[in-house]
C-alpha atoms as a PDB file:
ATOM      1  CA  MET A   1      20.129-186.155 -33.539  1.00  0.00           C
ATOM      2  CA  LEU A   2      22.302-183.230 -32.455  1.00  0.00           C
ATOM      3  CA  SER A   3      20.942-179.733 -32.566  1.00  0.00           C
ATOM      4  CA  ILE A   4      22.925-177.158 -34.517  1.00  0.00           C
ATOM      5  CA  LEU A   5      24.223-175.573 -31.317  1.00  0.00           C
ATOM      6  CA  GLU A   6      25.302-178.948 -29.909  1.00  0.00           C
ATOM      7  CA  ALA A   7      27.036-179.846 -33.176  1.00  0.00           C
ATOM      8  CA  LYS A   8      28.842-176.500 -33.139  1.00  0.00           C
ATOM      9  CA  GLU A   9      30.444-177.427 -29.827  1.00  0.00           C
ATOM     10  CA  THR A  10      31.895-180.650 -31.255  1.00  0.00           C
ATOM     11  CA  LEU A  11      33.050-179.152 -34.570  1.00  0.00           C
ATOM     12  CA  ASP A  12      36.836-179.220 -34.924  1.00  0.00           C
ATOM     13  CA  THR A  13      37.303-175.941 -36.797  1.00  0.00           C
ATOM     14  CA  LYS A  14      41.097-176.054 -36.502  1.00  0.00           C
ATOM     15  CA  HIS A  15      41.147-179.399 -38.300  1.00  0.00           C
ATOM     16  CA  ILE A  16      38.803-178.085 -40.981  1.00  0.00           C
ATOM     17  CA  ASP A  17      41.026-175.024 -41.447  1.00  0.00           C
ATOM     18  CA  SER A  18      44.138-177.200 -41.746  1.00  0.00           C
ATOM     19  CA  VAL A  19      42.518-179.450 -44.377  1.00  0.00           C
ATOM     20  CA  LEU A  20      41.338-176.446 -46.392  1.00  0.00           C
ATOM     21  CA  LYS A  21      44.825-174.958 -46.231  1.00  0.00           C
ATOM     22  CA  LYS A  22      46.514-178.261 -47.119  1.00  0.00           C
ATOM     23  CA  TYR A  23      44.406-178.657 -50.270  1.00  0.00           C
ATOM     24  CA  GLU A  24      44.452-174.928 -51.102  1.00  0.00           C
ATOM     25  CA  VAL A  25      40.683-174.606 -50.832  1.00  0.00           C
ATOM     26  CA  GLN A  26      39.155-171.222 -50.186  1.00  0.00           C
ATOM     27  CA  LEU A  27      35.743-170.481 -48.745  1.00  0.00           C
ATOM     28  CA  ILE A  28      33.644-167.915 -50.545  1.00  0.00           C
ATOM     29  CA  THR A  29      30.387-166.755 -48.979  1.00  0.00           C
ATOM     30  CA  ILE A  30      27.467-165.143 -50.737  1.00  0.00           C
ATOM     31  CA  HIS A  31      28.647-161.811 -49.279  1.00  0.00           C
ATOM     32  CA  ASP A  32      32.116-162.005 -50.854  1.00  0.00           C
ATOM     33  CA  GLU A  33      33.030-160.100 -54.002  1.00  0.00           C
ATOM     34  CA  GLY A  34      34.217-163.270 -55.795  1.00  0.00           C
ATOM     35  CA  TYR A  35      30.884-165.059 -55.384  1.00  0.00           C
ATOM     36  CA  PRO A  36      29.451-165.788 -58.870  1.00  0.00           C
ATOM     37  CA  ASN A  37      26.518-163.565 -59.814  1.00  0.00           C
ATOM     38  CA  LEU A  38      24.689-166.406 -61.557  1.00  0.00           C
ATOM     39  CA  LEU A  39      24.591-168.338 -58.283  1.00  0.00           C
ATOM     40  CA  ARG A  40      23.810-165.228 -56.227  1.00  0.00           C
ATOM     41  CA  ASN A  41      20.677-164.679 -58.355  1.00  0.00           C
ATOM     42  CA  LEU A  42      19.210-168.130 -57.660  1.00  0.00           C
ATOM     43  CA  THR A  43      16.079-168.355 -55.535  1.00  0.00           C
ATOM     44  CA  ASN A  44      17.944-170.388 -52.911  1.00  0.00           C
ATOM     45  CA  PRO A  45      21.694-169.880 -53.536  1.00  0.00           C
ATOM     46  CA  PRO A  46      24.339-171.811 -51.610  1.00  0.00           C
ATOM     47  CA  TYR A  47      25.651-169.655 -48.778  1.00  0.00           C
ATOM     48  CA  VAL A  48      29.198-171.031 -48.945  1.00  0.00           C
ATOM     49  CA  LEU A  49      31.298-172.243 -51.872  1.00  0.00           C
ATOM     50  CA  TYR A  50      34.451-174.308 -51.464  1.00  0.00           C
ATOM     51  CA  VAL A  51      36.763-173.321 -54.305  1.00  0.00           C
ATOM     52  CA  ARG A  52      39.997-174.914 -55.397  1.00  0.00           C
ATOM     53  CA  GLY A  53      41.570-173.084 -58.297  1.00  0.00           C
ATOM     54  CA  GLN A  54      39.965-170.077 -59.873  1.00  0.00           C
ATOM     55  CA  ILE A  55      36.421-169.305 -60.866  1.00  0.00           C
ATOM     56  CA  CYS A  56      36.626-168.251 -64.512  1.00  0.00           C
ATOM     57  CA  GLY A  57      33.583-166.009 -64.471  1.00  0.00           C
ATOM     58  CA  ASP A  58      29.828-166.191 -64.734  1.00  0.00           C
ATOM     59  CA  GLU A  59      29.726-166.956 -68.459  1.00  0.00           C
ATOM     60  CA  ASN A  60      32.155-169.873 -68.336  1.00  0.00           C
ATOM     61  CA  CYS A  61      30.502-172.374 -66.007  1.00  0.00           C
ATOM     62  CA  PHE A  62      29.516-175.952 -66.799  1.00  0.00           C
ATOM     63  CA  SER A  63      27.513-177.962 -64.297  1.00  0.00           C
ATOM     64  CA  VAL A  64      27.883-181.715 -64.021  1.00  0.00           C
ATOM     65  CA  VAL A  65      25.077-183.505 -62.203  1.00  0.00           C
ATOM     66  CA  GLY A  66      23.968-187.087 -61.958  1.00  0.00           C
ATOM     67  CA  SER A  67      23.151-189.985 -59.736  1.00  0.00           C
ATOM     68  CA  ARG A  68      24.940-190.681 -56.477  1.00  0.00           C
ATOM     69  CA  LYS A  69      25.044-194.324 -57.622  1.00  0.00           C
ATOM     70  CA  ILE A  70      27.306-193.813 -60.590  1.00  0.00           C
ATOM     71  CA  THR A  71      27.131-196.297 -63.436  1.00  0.00           C
ATOM     72  CA  PRO A  72      30.164-197.490 -65.399  1.00  0.00           C
ATOM     73  CA  TYR A  73      28.828-195.547 -68.390  1.00  0.00           C
ATOM     74  CA  ALA A  74      28.547-192.277 -66.421  1.00  0.00           C
ATOM     75  CA  LYS A  75      32.060-192.825 -65.042  1.00  0.00           C
ATOM     76  CA  HIS A  76      33.388-193.279 -68.578  1.00  0.00           C
ATOM     77  CA  VAL A  77      31.562-190.172 -69.830  1.00  0.00           C
ATOM     78  CA  SER A  78      32.892-188.062 -66.969  1.00  0.00           C
ATOM     79  CA  GLU A  79      36.463-189.295 -67.393  1.00  0.00           C
ATOM     80  CA  THR A  80      36.240-188.580 -71.143  1.00  0.00           C
ATOM     81  CA  LEU A  81      34.400-185.256 -71.254  1.00  0.00           C
ATOM     82  CA  VAL A  82      35.165-183.422 -68.015  1.00  0.00           C
ATOM     83  CA  PRO A  83      38.953-183.042 -68.510  1.00  0.00           C
ATOM     84  CA  GLU A  84      38.347-181.447 -71.919  1.00  0.00           C
ATOM     85  CA  LEU A  85      35.489-179.261 -70.660  1.00  0.00           C
ATOM     86  CA  SER A  86      37.590-178.087 -67.701  1.00  0.00           C
ATOM     87  CA  ARG A  87      40.000-176.453 -70.135  1.00  0.00           C
ATOM     88  CA  TYR A  88      37.258-173.975 -71.112  1.00  0.00           C
ATOM     89  CA  PHE A  89      34.785-173.923 -68.229  1.00  0.00           C
ATOM     90  CA  THR A  90      34.669-173.761 -64.460  1.00  0.00           C
ATOM     91  CA  ILE A  91      33.191-177.127 -63.472  1.00  0.00           C
ATOM     92  CA  VAL A  92      30.346-176.599 -61.017  1.00  0.00           C
ATOM     93  CA  SER A  93      28.665-179.368 -59.023  1.00  0.00           C
ATOM     94  CA  GLY A  94      27.163-179.902 -55.625  1.00  0.00           C
ATOM     95  CA  GLY A  95      29.965-182.150 -54.426  1.00  0.00           C
ATOM     96  CA  ALA A  96      27.751-185.086 -53.445  1.00  0.00           C
ATOM     97  CA  GLY A  97      29.057-188.591 -53.937  1.00  0.00           C
ATOM     98  CA  GLY A  98      28.751-190.108 -57.388  1.00  0.00           C
ATOM     99  CA  CYS A  99      28.690-187.955 -60.520  1.00  0.00           C
ATOM    100  CA  ASP A 100      29.235-184.654 -58.703  1.00  0.00           C
ATOM    101  CA  SER A 101      32.365-185.696 -56.840  1.00  0.00           C
ATOM    102  CA  LEU A 102      33.703-187.600 -59.855  1.00  0.00           C
ATOM    103  CA  ALA A 103      33.384-184.447 -61.985  1.00  0.00           C
ATOM    104  CA  HIS A 104      35.517-182.536 -59.465  1.00  0.00           C
ATOM    105  CA  SER A 105      38.018-185.375 -59.231  1.00  0.00           C
ATOM    106  CA  ASP A 106      38.328-185.582 -63.026  1.00  0.00           C
ATOM    107  CA  THR A 107      38.772-181.814 -63.175  1.00  0.00           C
ATOM    108  CA  MET A 108      41.598-181.916 -60.621  1.00  0.00           C
ATOM    109  CA  LYS A 109      43.305-184.797 -62.436  1.00  0.00           C
ATOM    110  CA  ALA A 110      43.245-182.695 -65.606  1.00  0.00           C
ATOM    111  CA  GLY A 111      45.087-179.925 -63.787  1.00  0.00           C
END
């Protein structure tokens, strides 16, 4: 297993930057003004957020979580509910495979 310093040497930051730019994704750190206060106040907040679109504000967040092994039922629920919810809330999830990534995908499909 690579140490953090060894991994840093092999990290292609130019490629990462180009992908973020291509998909219009911005990085927000816990030190940035746009970082949501509700997340900042967690015991162990995420240091970096990858944001595509706009964060609507602290009061308008809806978190979608679930199994990484998504069931057909969960897929149906996400495809049905998330597009409607995304009209009123910022959809927040960890981005892991399964329910989290599907929630983001369904949000993007909804525009």
